Amino acid sequence: MTTSGDGAGRRASEGTEERYRRRWRWDGVSWGTHCLNCLATCPYRVYRRDGEVAFEEVGGVLPPVEEGVPDLNPLGCQKGSGWSVQLSGEDRVTHPLRRVGERGGGEWERISWDEALEEIAEAVVEAIDLEGPESILFEETVEGGLLTQSPFLRFAGLLGAVTLDANGLVNDFPTGHHITFGKFSCASTVDDTFHSDVVLLWHSNPAYTSIPYFHYVTEARYRGARVVTIAPDYNASAVFADQYVPIRPGTDAALALGMCQVIIEEGLFDEGFVCSQTDLPLLVLTGTGRFLRGARREGGGPGGPVLLLGSRGGPSPGEPGHAHARGRAAGVAGTVDGQVARRFGGRGHHGLRVVAGPSRR
């Protein structure tokens, strides 16, 4: 026996099912990717309906890189999956705008493309006439890839204008790497994290900021690695760590120097590596904190090659492979930083997770 209430419920159920089917119906599918500055460039299947993006899903099609090491899949995150929402976002700029009123007032008016191009051209010509092409500044962007970067960089080069470094603009340039190793990017691929015996998460919260790669941290821990998180807050990444080291904001450098002191004093470093690949053996003037250079040693100016402590105890030109490292890193080595330093120093495959950009979120 069927009641009228049952019929109404069935019709409501059928309506819900149809709406669900419509939500996940598509006309075509193609491949796409999203934010380049994330560096993952995750492959996504982009589903279209009526000429617009309906929804997306991670591809999960990347092959293994090394036998015995987990592959990169699914290589995606919630941020990427929701990227297409910006296409119809209220704050997306789809036409030229010109400021009206005082700077900072937030008042704009829409103008045509011809008006915008004409005003920009006039301003460029005027700047070159009055101040020279160096007065024109191009601020780079990391979005859009080479299709958007190459044309305006070429234009700036032909003008002789100044272009800023995109890595520096988005706080994506690890200066410490460059100073210490001579390179700004000197790391293996993310899947190498799996080989680590110790993973040190410092100045980063990869569970939030490197979602596509974070599974390598948990997989390395499953393999037997010890994960240590150093942060002023017990963040999402600390949940997955074997040891959490809380520090006061702004004291990272003091902790790092304390760890360096323990590593050097107890001989836990690879002397051949640090002498040939880092700035550790370079001599430093205690009065200024600057490197000692050959010209200054001979009473000249500040130029000349940097000097390092030679195998015979005297200064020698900075050539890899001809150095004997001696020195002491300033800092305080307490119980905690001593433990972490001993675990991170010595033998083994260690990983220091560095995440691009402001990463403590």
Protein backbone atom coordinates (compact mmCIF):
# COMPACT_ATOMS: atom_id res chain seq x y z
CA MET A 1 0.00 0.00 0.00
CA THR A 2 1.38 3.42 -1.05
CA THR A 3 0.44 6.66 0.64
CA SER A 4 0.54 10.13 -0.79
CA GLY A 5 3.42 10.88 1.52
CA ASP A 6 5.46 8.07 -0.01
CA GLY A 7 4.87 9.48 -3.48
CA ALA A 8 6.02 12.93 -2.45
CA GLY A 9 9.15 11.47 -0.90
CA ARG A 10 9.92 9.49 -4.07
CA ARG A 11 9.49 12.56 -6.25
CA ALA A 12 11.80 14.58 -3.97
CA SER A 13 14.37 11.81 -4.15
CA GLU A 14 14.18 11.68 -7.93
CA GLY A 15 14.61 15.44 -8.07
CA THR A 16 17.70 15.27 -5.89
CA GLU A 17 19.21 12.53 -8.04
CA GLU A 18 18.60 14.52 -11.22
CA ARG A 19 20.20 17.62 -9.76
CA TYR A 20 23.20 15.50 -8.76
CA ARG A 21 23.45 14.06 -12.26
CA ARG A 22 23.28 17.55 -13.78
CA ARG A 23 26.02 18.75 -11.42
CA TRP A 24 28.44 16.11 -12.66
CA ARG A 25 27.46 16.08 -16.33
CA TRP A 26 29.97 17.38 -18.88
CA ASP A 27 30.35 17.97 -22.63
CA GLY A 28 34.11 17.50 -22.90
CA VAL A 29 37.32 17.07 -20.93
CA SER A 30 40.87 18.35 -21.43
CA TRP A 31 44.11 18.61 -19.49
CA GLY A 32 45.12 21.68 -17.52
CA THR A 33 47.20 22.91 -14.60
CA HIS A 34 47.21 25.83 -12.19
CA CYS A 35 49.48 28.00 -10.04
CA LEU A 36 53.04 27.81 -11.37
CA ASN A 37 54.63 29.30 -8.27
CA CYS A 38 53.52 26.28 -6.27
CA LEU A 39 56.07 24.44 -8.50
CA ALA A 40 54.01 21.24 -8.54
CA THR A 41 52.23 22.09 -11.82
CA CYS A 42 49.77 19.31 -11.05
CA PRO A 43 48.03 17.69 -14.05
CA TYR A 44 44.27 18.10 -13.79
CA ARG A 45 41.40 16.85 -15.87
CA VAL A 46 39.22 19.87 -16.62
CA TYR A 47 35.59 19.03 -17.37
CA ARG A 48 33.59 21.49 -19.50
CA ARG A 49 29.89 22.09 -19.75
CA ASP A 50 28.26 24.69 -22.04
CA GLY A 51 31.69 26.15 -22.83
CA GLU A 52 32.64 26.74 -19.20
CA VAL A 53 34.61 24.80 -16.59
CA ALA A 54 32.20 22.60 -14.67
CA PHE A 55 34.64 20.90 -12.30
CA GLU A 56 38.16 19.46 -12.11
CA GLU A 57 39.87 16.39 -10.73
CA VAL A 58 43.50 15.36 -10.21
CA GLY A 59 44.98 13.30 -13.01
CA GLY A 60 46.85 10.68 -11.01
CA VAL A 61 48.66 9.44 -14.13
CA LEU A 62 52.33 10.02 -13.26
CA PRO A 63 54.54 6.91 -13.45
CA PRO A 64 56.96 5.88 -10.67
CA VAL A 65 60.33 7.62 -10.84
CA GLU A 66 62.32 5.07 -8.88
CA GLU A 67 61.61 1.48 -7.96
CA GLY A 68 60.65 1.14 -4.31
CA VAL A 69 59.79 4.83 -3.98
CA PRO A 70 56.13 6.00 -3.93
CA ASP A 71 55.07 7.87 -7.05
CA LEU A 72 53.98 11.50 -7.08
CA ASN A 73 50.28 10.74 -7.42
CA PRO A 74 47.73 12.06 -6.90
CA LEU A 75 49.66 15.39 -7.09
CA GLY A 76 46.91 17.86 -6.34
CA CYS A 77 45.26 19.80 -3.56
CA GLN A 78 42.06 21.58 -2.63
CA LYS A 79 43.50 24.89 -3.82
CA GLY A 80 44.10 23.52 -7.30
CA SER A 81 40.75 21.76 -7.46
CA GLY A 82 39.01 25.05 -6.74
CA TRP A 83 41.19 27.16 -9.02
CA SER A 84 38.60 27.51 -11.79
CA VAL A 85 36.24 29.27 -9.37
CA GLN A 86 38.35 32.40 -9.97
CA LEU A 87 37.20 32.49 -13.59
CA SER A 88 33.80 33.74 -12.46
CA GLY A 89 34.94 35.42 -9.26
CA GLU A 90 33.62 38.89 -8.49
CA ASP A 91 37.13 40.29 -7.94
CA ARG A 92 38.57 39.07 -11.25
CA VAL A 93 39.65 41.93 -13.51
CA THR A 94 38.58 41.26 -17.11
CA HIS A 95 38.92 44.76 -18.60
CA PRO A 96 41.19 47.82 -18.15
CA LEU A 97 40.52 50.07 -15.17
CA ARG A 98 41.83 53.60 -14.57
CA ARG A 99 42.17 55.11 -11.13
CA VAL A 100 40.00 58.09 -10.37
CA GLY A 101 40.55 60.29 -7.35
CA GLU A 102 43.46 60.02 -4.93
CA ARG A 103 45.83 57.08 -4.87
CA GLY A 104 44.66 54.56 -2.31
CA GLY A 105 41.06 55.70 -2.55
CA GLY A 106 40.03 52.48 -4.25
CA GLU A 107 37.98 54.25 -6.93
CA TRP A 108 38.29 53.04 -10.52
CA GLU A 109 36.56 53.55 -13.85
CA ARG A 110 36.37 51.21 -16.79
CA ILE A 111 38.06 52.25 -20.02
CA SER A 112 38.51 50.62 -23.42
CA TRP A 113 41.56 48.63 -24.47
CA ASP A 114 42.45 51.32 -27.01
CA GLU A 115 42.40 53.99 -24.31
CA ALA A 116 44.54 51.89 -21.98
CA LEU A 117 47.16 51.09 -24.63
CA GLU A 118 47.31 54.71 -25.78
CA GLU A 119 47.85 56.04 -22.24
CA ILE A 120 50.53 53.43 -21.51
CA ALA A 121 52.36 54.18 -24.78
CA GLU A 122 52.33 57.92 -24.08
CA ALA A 123 53.67 57.36 -20.54
CA VAL A 124 56.47 55.09 -21.83
CA VAL A 125 57.57 57.58 -24.50
CA GLU A 126 57.45 60.47 -22.03
CA ALA A 127 59.53 58.55 -19.45
CA ILE A 128 62.18 57.74 -22.06
CA ASP A 129 62.35 61.37 -23.22
CA LEU A 130 62.61 62.82 -19.72
CA GLU A 131 64.57 60.25 -17.70
CA GLY A 132 65.71 57.50 -20.05
CA PRO A 133 64.52 53.90 -20.46
CA GLU A 134 65.95 52.90 -17.06
CA SER A 135 63.15 54.89 -15.42
CA ILE A 136 60.63 52.32 -16.66
CA LEU A 137 60.13 49.45 -14.24
CA PHE A 138 58.57 46.10 -15.12
CA GLU A 139 57.35 44.03 -12.21
CA GLU A 140 57.36 40.34 -13.07
CA THR A 141 54.72 37.80 -12.27
CA VAL A 142 54.98 34.07 -11.70
CA GLU A 143 51.52 33.37 -13.06
CA GLY A 144 50.71 32.41 -16.62
CA GLY A 145 54.04 30.77 -17.41
CA LEU A 146 56.20 31.62 -20.41
CA LEU A 147 53.18 32.58 -22.50
CA THR A 148 52.69 35.68 -20.37
CA GLN A 149 56.26 36.31 -19.17
CA SER A 150 58.23 36.12 -22.41
CA PRO A 151 56.42 38.87 -24.38
CA PHE A 152 56.66 41.62 -21.77
CA LEU A 153 60.23 40.66 -20.80
CA ARG A 154 61.18 40.86 -24.48
CA PHE A 155 59.48 44.25 -24.70
CA ALA A 156 61.35 45.48 -21.62
CA GLY A 157 64.65 44.23 -23.05
CA LEU A 158 64.12 46.05 -26.33
CA LEU A 159 63.32 49.25 -24.44
CA GLY A 160 66.28 48.90 -22.09
CA ALA A 161 63.94 49.08 -19.11
CA VAL A 162 64.47 47.61 -15.64
CA THR A 163 62.87 44.27 -14.76
CA LEU A 164 62.64 42.99 -11.19
CA ASP A 165 63.40 39.43 -10.18
CA ALA A 166 60.19 37.45 -9.74
CA ASN A 167 61.74 35.18 -7.10
CA GLY A 168 62.58 38.17 -4.94
CA LEU A 169 59.20 39.81 -5.50
CA VAL A 170 57.29 36.84 -4.12
CA ASN A 171 59.82 36.06 -1.35
CA ASP A 172 60.84 32.94 -3.26
CA PHE A 173 64.60 33.49 -3.28
CA PRO A 174 66.42 31.55 -0.52
CA THR A 175 69.29 33.96 0.04
CA GLY A 176 70.92 31.72 2.63
CA HIS A 177 71.26 28.93 0.07
CA HIS A 178 72.92 31.27 -2.40
CA ILE A 179 75.35 32.68 0.15
CA THR A 180 76.31 29.29 1.58
CA PHE A 181 76.33 27.05 -1.50
CA GLY A 182 76.67 29.51 -4.39
CA LYS A 183 73.30 28.42 -5.78
CA PHE A 184 69.77 29.50 -4.97
CA SER A 185 68.24 26.13 -5.72
CA CYS A 186 70.28 23.12 -4.71
CA ALA A 187 67.98 20.28 -3.79
CA SER A 188 66.97 16.92 -5.16
CA THR A 189 63.46 16.13 -6.32
CA VAL A 190 60.70 15.90 -3.73
CA ASP A 191 60.47 12.12 -3.91
CA ASP A 192 64.01 11.92 -2.49
CA THR A 193 62.44 12.85 0.86
CA PHE A 194 61.40 9.21 1.06
CA HIS A 195 65.06 8.16 1.43
CA SER A 196 65.62 10.40 4.47
CA ASP A 197 66.52 9.06 7.88
CA VAL A 198 65.77 12.44 9.49
CA VAL A 199 63.31 15.01 8.12
CA LEU A 200 63.58 18.47 9.65
CA LEU A 201 60.56 20.73 9.03
CA TRP A 202 61.73 24.24 9.82
CA HIS A 203 60.27 27.59 8.81
CA SER A 204 57.62 25.68 6.92
CA ASN A 205 54.23 24.11 7.34
CA PRO A 206 54.15 21.76 4.32
CA ALA A 207 50.92 20.07 5.40
CA TYR A 208 49.29 23.37 4.38
CA THR A 209 51.75 24.90 1.89
CA SER A 210 53.04 21.82 0.01
CA ILE A 211 49.99 19.60 0.03
CA PRO A 212 50.86 17.70 -3.21
CA TYR A 213 54.23 16.63 -1.79
CA PHE A 214 53.51 16.18 1.89
CA HIS A 215 52.74 12.49 1.55
CA TYR A 216 56.49 11.89 1.15
CA VAL A 217 57.03 13.10 4.71
CA THR A 218 54.53 10.64 6.13
CA GLU A 219 55.78 7.86 3.84
CA ALA A 220 59.38 8.49 4.92
CA ARG A 221 58.26 8.28 8.53
CA TYR A 222 56.48 5.00 7.78
CA ARG A 223 59.76 3.75 6.28
CA GLY A 224 61.51 4.57 9.56
CA ALA A 225 62.60 8.21 9.29
CA ARG A 226 62.36 10.51 12.30
CA VAL A 227 60.44 13.73 11.64
CA VAL A 228 61.21 16.85 13.68
CA THR A 229 59.16 20.06 13.46
CA ILE A 230 60.58 23.38 14.69
CA ALA A 231 57.97 26.14 14.90
CA PRO A 232 56.54 28.69 17.35
CA ASP A 233 53.09 27.13 16.92
CA TYR A 234 51.90 23.54 17.00
CA ASN A 235 50.87 23.58 13.35
CA ALA A 236 49.34 20.98 11.06
CA SER A 237 52.74 19.57 10.12
CA ALA A 238 53.75 19.14 13.77
CA VAL A 239 50.91 16.66 14.17
CA PHE A 240 52.86 14.23 11.97
CA ALA A 241 56.23 14.76 13.68
CA ASP A 242 57.99 12.46 16.12
CA GLN A 243 59.38 15.50 17.92
CA TYR A 244 58.06 19.05 18.16
CA VAL A 245 60.50 21.80 19.16
CA PRO A 246 58.66 25.00 20.19
CA ILE A 247 60.64 28.22 19.86
CA ARG A 248 59.90 31.88 20.45
CA PRO A 249 59.20 33.85 17.25
CA GLY A 250 62.38 35.38 15.88
CA THR A 251 64.81 33.00 17.61
CA ASP A 252 65.36 30.63 14.66
CA ALA A 253 68.86 31.99 13.98
CA ALA A 254 69.95 31.50 17.60
CA LEU A 255 68.73 27.92 17.57
CA ALA A 256 70.44 27.23 14.24
CA LEU A 257 73.75 28.63 15.50
CA GLY A 258 73.48 26.53 18.63
CA MET A 259 72.97 23.43 16.49
CA CYS A 260 75.95 24.42 14.32
CA GLN A 261 78.09 24.71 17.44
CA VAL A 262 77.22 21.17 18.52
CA ILE A 263 77.71 19.74 15.01
CA ILE A 264 81.15 21.36 14.61
CA GLU A 265 82.45 20.75 18.11
CA GLU A 266 81.46 17.08 18.06
CA GLY A 267 82.69 16.52 14.49
CA LEU A 268 79.30 15.53 13.13
CA PHE A 269 79.80 17.18 9.75
CA ASP A 270 81.22 15.97 6.44
CA GLU A 271 84.44 17.98 6.29
CA GLY A 272 85.15 17.27 2.64
CA PHE A 273 81.70 18.45 1.62
CA VAL A 274 81.56 21.64 3.67
CA CYS A 275 85.06 22.64 2.58
CA SER A 276 84.41 22.19 -1.11
CA GLN A 277 80.72 23.12 -1.37
CA THR A 278 79.99 25.74 1.31
CA ASP A 279 81.43 28.96 2.74
CA LEU A 280 82.40 27.40 6.09
CA PRO A 281 86.23 27.53 5.57
CA LEU A 282 86.24 31.14 4.35
CA LEU A 283 88.02 33.53 6.69
CA VAL A 284 85.92 36.28 8.26
CA LEU A 285 87.08 39.64 9.64
CA THR A 286 85.84 39.71 13.24
CA GLY A 287 85.51 43.49 13.23
CA THR A 288 83.20 43.75 10.22
CA GLY A 289 81.85 40.24 9.73
CA ARG A 290 82.96 40.35 6.07
CA PHE A 291 85.07 37.81 4.22
CA LEU A 292 88.82 38.42 4.15
CA ARG A 293 89.99 39.09 0.60
CA GLY A 294 93.44 38.95 -0.94
CA ALA A 295 93.67 42.65 -1.79
CA ARG A 296 92.81 43.70 1.79
CA ARG A 297 95.41 41.30 3.22
CA GLU A 298 98.05 43.00 1.08
CA GLY A 299 96.97 46.45 2.23
CA GLY A 300 94.88 47.28 -0.83
CA GLY A 301 91.19 47.80 -1.38
CA PRO A 302 88.28 45.48 -0.69
CA GLY A 303 88.66 43.46 -3.93
CA GLY A 304 90.44 40.24 -4.69
CA PRO A 305 89.61 36.58 -4.09
CA VAL A 306 88.17 35.45 -0.79
CA LEU A 307 90.62 33.59 1.43
CA LEU A 308 90.18 30.43 3.45
CA LEU A 309 92.17 28.61 6.09
CA GLY A 310 94.74 26.46 4.27
CA SER A 311 95.92 23.02 5.25
CA ARG A 312 99.13 24.53 6.64
CA GLY A 313 97.26 26.95 8.86
CA GLY A 314 97.69 30.07 6.72
CA PRO A 315 95.32 31.89 4.38
CA SER A 316 95.04 30.52 0.86
CA PRO A 317 92.89 31.49 -2.15
CA GLY A 318 89.39 30.08 -2.06
CA GLU A 319 89.70 26.97 -4.21
CA PRO A 320 87.57 23.90 -3.44
CA GLY A 321 89.51 20.90 -2.24
CA HIS A 322 92.41 22.82 -0.64
CA ALA A 323 90.99 23.75 2.69
CA HIS A 324 90.99 22.69 6.29
CA ALA A 325 87.87 23.79 8.10
CA ARG A 326 88.34 25.32 11.51
CA GLY A 327 86.00 27.57 13.38
CA ARG A 328 83.30 27.88 15.97
CA ALA A 329 79.72 28.90 15.37
CA ALA A 330 78.35 31.35 17.87
CA GLY A 331 75.18 30.47 19.72
CA VAL A 332 73.82 28.54 22.64
CA ALA A 333 73.50 24.77 22.55
CA GLY A 334 70.90 23.63 25.05
CA THR A 335 69.53 20.15 25.61
CA VAL A 336 66.91 20.28 22.85
CA ASP A 337 68.97 21.86 20.09
CA GLY A 338 71.85 19.58 21.00
CA GLN A 339 69.64 16.53 20.54
CA VAL A 340 68.30 17.76 17.21
CA ALA A 341 71.79 18.74 16.03
CA ARG A 342 73.22 15.31 16.84
CA ARG A 343 70.31 13.64 15.10
CA PHE A 344 70.61 15.84 12.02
CA GLY A 345 74.42 15.68 11.94
CA GLY A 346 76.52 12.58 11.53
CA ARG A 347 75.91 9.82 9.04
CA GLY A 348 72.70 9.12 7.21
CA HIS A 349 70.41 10.61 4.60
CA HIS A 350 68.85 13.77 5.95
CA GLY A 351 66.19 16.03 4.55
CA LEU A 352 65.70 19.71 5.37
CA ARG A 353 62.27 20.64 4.07
CA VAL A 354 62.21 24.16 2.67
CA VAL A 355 58.97 25.49 1.25
CA ALA A 356 58.96 28.43 -1.11
CA GLY A 357 57.32 31.66 -0.05
CA PRO A 358 55.91 32.70 3.31
CA SER A 359 55.27 29.21 4.56
CA ARG A 360 54.25 29.44 8.22
CA ARG A 361 50.50 29.46 7.67
